[in-house]
Amino acid sequence: MLHTEKRTDFISLCYSDFNVKKIISIIFISSFMHANGLYFNKYDYFFNLDSVEVEKQQSVMAEPARYPARPMLYSLVLPGAGQIYNESPWWKSALFAGVEITGIALWWNWKSQAEDIQKEYEAYARSHWSLSDWYTNTQLIFPDSYTTMFSGTHKIILKAEDTYYTSAYLDSLWGIYGSNLEYIQDRDFYENIGKYDQFVGGWDDCYAEDGNTQQWWEEEKSVGDSTETIKLTPNKNHYRDLRFDSNTLKDYSKYAISAIMFNHVISGLEAVWSSSQKSRRDPQDSEQYESDVGLLYNRQSATGIGGIYISLKW
């Protein structure tokens, strides 16, 4: 009888309010401390989802989100990078990267050659063109209008005693300073002496060493719908060829820069297109965005095109 009473007391003790609350608290806390416990994986009881559906949701959550604007920005900075981000076929990244490397190499090569030839023709001009020859020979070539050759449309900058003048004052300044006059060899100077007839007298081979035998000649040049006559000497003609070669290579280097720019743009557009195509195939990877591409108008351009613009909103 005594034993029965002890058991009854024990049962009543276990089911007291205090101990029930304590047991529930322990179970609740342990469920949060263990990821495989009572709460986190009981999807079948709380959501009525089978195990296959749960795994599918978990795999979707584990995949990183892909944004259509991101591959475009990557490719605009480094062509081919957006294609890598999109996991496109390897040849796309290789193509854009190859064009980039080739464009940079060609640009550098043509630019270096142009600068070397420029140094060559500038040195050639300093050796074979002089202000004293220009002053003397111009009076022989244009005896009736030599002063207008000095003050023509295009001029050379002269320097005398830290004061600058234009070549329009050469006739009067020569009587004061003579060969002590200096002339500024700037970009306009190197263009003028090879392009315009008024400066042909400055070349040292206009006349032979005897000073009387003429060595300059006139040559017709087609200019659009008309023909103009230019005065040449052997040295001037060689100088013009050097400048032509240098300027041609400079144009090539500009074309290479344009190709590099278009490579960035095309790579960016292809990256956006590939990303949008992938989004259509996989709706879960889609994102709302708007893109627009167009041409910029420039009335000073011969073609009317000043560039292109790209707009992407997301």
Protein backbone atom coordinates (compact mmCIF):
# COMPACT_ATOMS: atom_id res chain seq x y z
CA MET A 1 0.00 0.00 0.00
CA LEU A 2 2.77 2.28 0.79
CA HIS A 3 4.45 1.46 -2.55
CA THR A 4 1.32 2.33 -4.48
CA GLU A 5 1.09 5.72 -2.89
CA LYS A 6 4.64 6.56 -3.83
CA ARG A 7 3.97 5.72 -7.48
CA THR A 8 0.87 7.86 -7.49
CA ASP A 9 2.81 10.76 -6.09
CA PHE A 10 5.43 10.36 -8.80
CA ILE A 11 2.87 10.39 -11.63
CA SER A 12 1.15 13.44 -10.24
CA LEU A 13 4.54 15.11 -9.92
CA CYS A 14 5.43 14.48 -13.61
CA TYR A 15 2.17 15.90 -14.83
CA SER A 16 2.28 19.01 -12.76
CA ASP A 17 2.07 22.30 -14.72
CA PHE A 18 5.62 23.25 -13.92
CA ASN A 19 7.25 20.09 -15.24
CA VAL A 20 5.08 19.95 -18.42
CA LYS A 21 6.17 23.46 -19.34
CA LYS A 22 9.75 22.54 -18.64
CA ILE A 23 9.65 19.46 -20.87
CA ILE A 24 8.03 21.39 -23.76
CA SER A 25 10.66 24.11 -23.45
CA ILE A 26 13.49 21.58 -23.69
CA ILE A 27 11.97 19.99 -26.80
CA PHE A 28 11.41 23.38 -28.46
CA ILE A 29 14.96 24.61 -27.79
CA SER A 30 16.57 21.39 -28.99
CA SER A 31 14.61 21.58 -32.24
CA PHE A 32 16.29 24.93 -33.08
CA MET A 33 19.74 23.79 -32.00
CA HIS A 34 19.76 20.81 -34.38
CA ALA A 35 19.10 21.39 -38.09
CA ASN A 36 17.83 17.85 -38.49
CA GLY A 37 15.53 18.11 -35.50
CA LEU A 38 11.84 18.49 -35.06
CA TYR A 39 11.20 21.76 -36.88
CA PHE A 40 13.31 22.44 -39.98
CA ASN A 41 12.80 19.27 -42.01
CA LYS A 42 9.18 18.43 -41.16
CA TYR A 43 7.91 19.77 -44.52
CA ASP A 44 5.53 16.86 -44.93
CA TYR A 45 3.63 17.89 -41.82
CA PHE A 46 3.69 21.68 -42.14
CA PHE A 47 3.57 22.30 -45.94
CA ASN A 48 2.22 19.03 -47.37
CA LEU A 49 5.15 18.86 -49.81
CA ASP A 50 6.80 15.65 -50.84
CA SER A 51 10.58 15.24 -50.65
CA VAL A 52 11.09 15.76 -54.42
CA GLU A 53 9.41 19.17 -54.33
CA VAL A 54 11.48 20.23 -51.34
CA GLU A 55 14.73 19.29 -53.05
CA LYS A 56 13.64 21.19 -56.18
CA GLN A 57 12.99 24.37 -54.19
CA GLN A 58 16.31 24.05 -52.39
CA SER A 59 18.23 23.67 -55.71
CA VAL A 60 16.57 26.78 -57.16
CA MET A 61 17.46 28.78 -54.07
CA ALA A 62 21.08 27.59 -54.29
CA GLU A 63 21.58 28.83 -57.87
CA PRO A 64 22.93 32.43 -58.10
CA ALA A 65 20.69 34.99 -59.81
CA ARG A 66 21.81 36.12 -63.25
CA TYR A 67 21.12 39.69 -64.32
CA PRO A 68 20.89 40.66 -68.05
CA ALA A 69 22.67 43.98 -67.45
CA ARG A 70 25.69 42.42 -65.80
CA PRO A 71 27.12 40.55 -68.84
CA MET A 72 26.73 43.69 -70.94
CA LEU A 73 28.74 45.76 -68.46
CA TYR A 74 31.39 43.05 -68.28
CA SER A 75 31.74 42.95 -72.08
CA LEU A 76 31.83 46.73 -72.42
CA VAL A 77 34.82 46.75 -70.10
CA LEU A 78 36.49 43.57 -71.41
CA PRO A 79 35.09 41.97 -74.59
CA GLY A 80 34.35 38.31 -74.03
CA ALA A 81 33.85 38.64 -70.28
CA GLY A 82 30.08 38.83 -70.63
CA GLN A 83 30.10 35.67 -72.71
CA ILE A 84 32.03 33.89 -69.96
CA TYR A 85 29.46 35.12 -67.43
CA ASN A 86 26.65 33.76 -69.63
CA GLU A 87 28.50 30.44 -69.98
CA SER A 88 28.32 30.83 -73.77
CA PRO A 89 30.36 28.59 -76.09
CA TRP A 90 34.08 29.21 -75.66
CA TRP A 91 34.57 30.39 -79.23
CA LYS A 92 32.52 33.52 -78.59
CA SER A 93 34.81 34.71 -75.80
CA ALA A 94 37.85 33.73 -77.86
CA LEU A 95 36.54 35.66 -80.88
CA PHE A 96 35.93 38.93 -79.03
CA ALA A 97 39.17 38.62 -77.05
CA GLY A 98 41.07 37.89 -80.28
CA VAL A 99 39.65 40.95 -82.02
CA GLU A 100 40.58 43.06 -78.98
CA ILE A 101 44.18 41.84 -78.88
CA THR A 102 44.60 42.15 -82.66
CA GLY A 103 43.12 45.67 -82.67
CA ILE A 104 45.43 46.85 -79.90
CA ALA A 105 48.47 45.31 -81.61
CA LEU A 106 47.64 46.90 -84.97
CA TRP A 107 46.90 50.26 -83.37
CA TRP A 108 50.23 50.28 -81.55
CA ASN A 109 52.18 49.12 -84.62
CA TRP A 110 50.66 51.68 -87.00
CA LYS A 111 50.90 54.46 -84.43
CA SER A 112 54.59 53.72 -83.78
CA GLN A 113 55.42 53.61 -87.49
CA ALA A 114 53.55 56.90 -88.09
CA GLU A 115 55.47 58.62 -85.29
CA ASP A 116 58.80 57.32 -86.59
CA ILE A 117 58.08 58.62 -90.11
CA GLN A 118 56.90 61.92 -88.64
CA LYS A 119 60.23 62.36 -86.88
CA GLU A 120 61.93 61.54 -90.18
CA TYR A 121 60.05 64.13 -92.26
CA GLU A 122 60.41 66.80 -89.58
CA ALA A 123 64.18 66.26 -89.52
CA TYR A 124 64.19 66.30 -93.32
CA ALA A 125 62.38 69.65 -93.34
CA ARG A 126 64.81 71.19 -90.90
CA SER A 127 67.68 70.11 -93.16
CA HIS A 128 66.22 71.19 -96.51
CA TRP A 129 63.91 74.15 -95.81
CA SER A 130 65.09 77.50 -94.47
CA LEU A 131 63.75 80.99 -93.95
CA SER A 132 66.64 82.58 -95.89
CA ASP A 133 65.95 80.37 -98.93
CA TRP A 134 62.29 81.23 -98.72
CA TYR A 135 63.00 84.96 -98.68
CA THR A 136 65.50 84.81 -101.56
CA ASN A 137 63.88 82.21 -103.86
CA THR A 138 60.35 83.59 -103.50
CA GLN A 139 61.50 86.81 -105.15
CA LEU A 140 62.81 84.75 -108.08
CA ILE A 141 59.78 82.50 -108.43
CA PHE A 142 57.19 85.27 -107.93
CA PRO A 143 59.00 88.45 -108.98
CA ASP A 144 55.85 90.52 -109.30
CA SER A 145 53.98 89.30 -106.23
CA TYR A 146 56.54 87.95 -103.79
CA THR A 147 55.32 90.19 -100.93
CA THR A 148 51.86 88.65 -101.19
CA MET A 149 53.48 85.21 -100.80
CA PHE A 150 54.75 86.28 -97.38
CA SER A 151 51.35 87.63 -96.34
CA GLY A 152 49.23 84.98 -97.99
CA THR A 153 46.38 82.96 -96.51
CA HIS A 154 48.79 80.71 -94.61
CA LYS A 155 51.60 82.15 -92.54
CA ILE A 156 54.64 81.17 -90.50
CA ILE A 157 55.27 82.51 -87.01
CA LEU A 158 58.51 84.50 -86.74
CA LYS A 159 60.44 85.41 -83.61
CA ALA A 160 62.82 88.34 -83.13
CA GLU A 161 64.15 89.46 -79.73
CA ASP A 162 61.47 87.56 -77.81
CA THR A 163 58.75 89.18 -79.91
CA TYR A 164 56.52 87.14 -82.24
CA TYR A 165 55.35 88.20 -85.69
CA THR A 166 53.64 86.60 -88.63
CA SER A 167 55.43 86.05 -91.93
CA ALA A 168 53.42 88.95 -93.37
CA TYR A 169 56.18 91.19 -91.88
CA LEU A 170 59.07 89.13 -93.25
CA ASP A 171 60.13 91.67 -95.89
CA SER A 172 60.53 94.50 -93.39
CA LEU A 173 61.92 92.32 -90.59
CA TRP A 174 64.55 90.82 -92.89
CA GLY A 175 66.05 94.25 -93.43
CA ILE A 176 66.50 94.60 -89.67
CA TYR A 177 67.37 91.13 -88.42
CA GLY A 178 68.33 89.24 -91.55
CA SER A 179 69.26 85.60 -90.92
CA ASN A 180 68.94 86.14 -87.16
CA LEU A 181 65.17 85.81 -87.54
CA GLU A 182 63.81 82.60 -86.09
CA TYR A 183 60.71 80.70 -87.23
CA ILE A 184 58.47 78.47 -85.16
CA GLN A 185 58.40 74.86 -86.36
CA ASP A 186 54.95 73.87 -85.16
CA ARG A 187 52.35 71.57 -86.69
CA ASP A 188 51.08 74.27 -89.06
CA PHE A 189 54.62 74.92 -90.29
CA TYR A 190 55.20 71.28 -91.27
CA GLU A 191 51.86 71.23 -93.08
CA ASN A 192 52.31 74.55 -94.86
CA ILE A 193 55.74 73.94 -96.39
CA GLY A 194 54.61 70.74 -98.06
CA LYS A 195 51.12 71.76 -99.09
CA TYR A 196 51.09 75.35 -100.34
CA ASP A 197 52.93 76.94 -103.26
CA GLN A 198 53.72 80.15 -101.39
CA PHE A 199 56.33 78.23 -99.35
CA VAL A 200 58.02 76.37 -102.22
CA GLY A 201 60.89 78.87 -102.30
CA GLY A 202 62.10 77.69 -98.91
CA TRP A 203 63.34 74.36 -100.29
CA ASP A 204 67.06 74.35 -100.92
CA ASP A 205 66.79 72.67 -104.33
CA CYS A 206 64.55 75.23 -106.07
CA TYR A 207 67.65 76.21 -108.05
CA ALA A 208 70.91 74.47 -108.75
CA GLU A 209 74.07 75.39 -106.92
CA ASP A 210 74.82 78.05 -109.50
CA GLY A 211 71.68 79.85 -108.36
CA ASN A 212 70.26 80.21 -111.88
CA THR A 213 69.21 76.78 -113.10
CA GLN A 214 65.59 76.18 -112.14
CA GLN A 215 64.82 72.80 -110.58
CA TRP A 216 61.26 73.33 -109.46
CA TRP A 217 58.36 72.36 -111.71
CA GLU A 218 54.58 72.52 -111.86
CA GLU A 219 52.35 69.48 -111.64
CA GLU A 220 48.62 69.16 -112.05
CA LYS A 221 46.65 67.57 -109.26
CA SER A 222 43.03 66.43 -109.41
CA VAL A 223 40.89 67.93 -106.65
CA GLY A 224 37.33 66.65 -106.85
CA ASP A 225 35.73 68.10 -109.97
CA SER A 226 38.60 70.45 -110.73
CA THR A 227 42.35 70.39 -111.27
CA GLU A 228 44.91 72.55 -109.53
CA THR A 229 48.56 73.19 -110.31
CA ILE A 230 51.16 72.80 -107.59
CA LYS A 231 54.84 73.72 -107.59
CA LEU A 232 57.25 70.98 -106.57
CA THR A 233 60.95 70.37 -106.08
CA PRO A 234 62.64 66.98 -105.65
CA ASN A 235 63.06 67.56 -101.92
CA LYS A 236 59.54 68.88 -101.47
CA ASN A 237 58.14 65.91 -103.38
CA HIS A 238 60.02 63.46 -101.15
CA TYR A 239 58.88 65.36 -98.09
CA ARG A 240 55.25 65.13 -99.22
CA ASP A 241 55.60 61.38 -99.73
CA LEU A 242 56.88 60.97 -96.17
CA ARG A 243 54.03 63.01 -94.74
CA PHE A 244 51.53 61.04 -96.81
CA ASP A 245 52.88 57.74 -95.47
CA SER A 246 52.79 59.03 -91.89
CA ASN A 247 49.26 60.39 -92.16
CA THR A 248 48.05 57.17 -93.82
CA LEU A 249 49.39 55.10 -90.93
CA LYS A 250 47.77 57.50 -88.47
CA ASP A 251 44.46 56.93 -90.25
CA TYR A 252 44.99 53.18 -89.98
CA SER A 253 45.60 53.51 -86.24
CA LYS A 254 42.33 55.46 -85.93
CA TYR A 255 40.52 52.68 -87.79
CA ALA A 256 42.01 50.19 -85.32
CA ILE A 257 40.69 52.27 -82.41
CA SER A 258 37.25 52.33 -84.03
CA ALA A 259 37.38 48.55 -84.46
CA ILE A 260 38.26 48.17 -80.78
CA MET A 261 35.34 50.37 -79.76
CA PHE A 262 32.89 48.46 -81.95
CA ASN A 263 34.24 45.19 -80.57
CA HIS A 264 33.33 46.35 -77.04
CA VAL A 265 29.85 47.41 -78.16
CA ILE A 266 29.12 44.28 -80.21
CA SER A 267 30.36 42.04 -77.42
CA GLY A 268 28.07 43.84 -74.97
CA LEU A 269 25.05 43.58 -77.27
CA GLU A 270 25.70 39.89 -77.90
CA ALA A 271 25.98 39.27 -74.17
CA VAL A 272 22.61 40.94 -73.54
CA TRP A 273 21.01 39.02 -76.42
CA SER A 274 22.36 35.69 -75.20
CA SER A 275 21.21 36.45 -71.67
CA SER A 276 17.70 37.37 -72.86
CA GLN A 277 17.50 34.18 -74.95
CA LYS A 278 18.49 32.15 -71.92
CA SER A 279 15.89 33.94 -69.80
CA ARG A 280 13.15 33.05 -72.28
CA ARG A 281 14.13 29.40 -72.09
CA ASP A 282 14.25 29.50 -68.30
CA PRO A 283 11.52 31.80 -66.87
CA GLN A 284 12.95 31.46 -63.35
CA ASP A 285 16.10 33.18 -64.58
CA SER A 286 14.29 36.10 -66.24
CA GLU A 287 14.28 39.73 -65.22
CA GLN A 288 12.30 42.68 -66.50
CA TYR A 289 14.48 45.07 -68.49
CA GLU A 290 14.32 47.37 -71.52
CA SER A 291 17.09 47.91 -74.06
CA ASP A 292 17.48 50.37 -76.93
CA VAL A 293 20.19 50.97 -79.55
CA GLY A 294 20.36 53.82 -82.03
CA LEU A 295 22.54 56.25 -83.99
CA LEU A 296 23.54 59.75 -82.92
CA TYR A 297 23.14 62.53 -85.49
CA ASN A 298 26.04 64.86 -86.26
CA ARG A 299 25.47 67.49 -88.95
CA GLN A 300 29.22 68.09 -89.28
CA SER A 301 29.84 64.48 -90.25
CA ALA A 302 29.86 63.58 -93.95
CA THR A 303 27.55 60.64 -93.28
CA GLY A 304 25.47 62.46 -90.69
CA ILE A 305 26.38 59.87 -88.06
CA GLY A 306 28.23 60.99 -84.96
CA GLY A 307 28.16 57.74 -83.03
CA ILE A 308 25.85 55.20 -81.43
CA TYR A 309 24.02 55.06 -78.14
CA ILE A 310 23.02 52.09 -76.02
CA SER A 311 20.34 52.25 -73.33
CA LEU A 312 19.54 49.46 -70.86
CA LYS A 313 16.98 49.83 -68.04
CA TRP A 314 16.42 47.24 -65.33
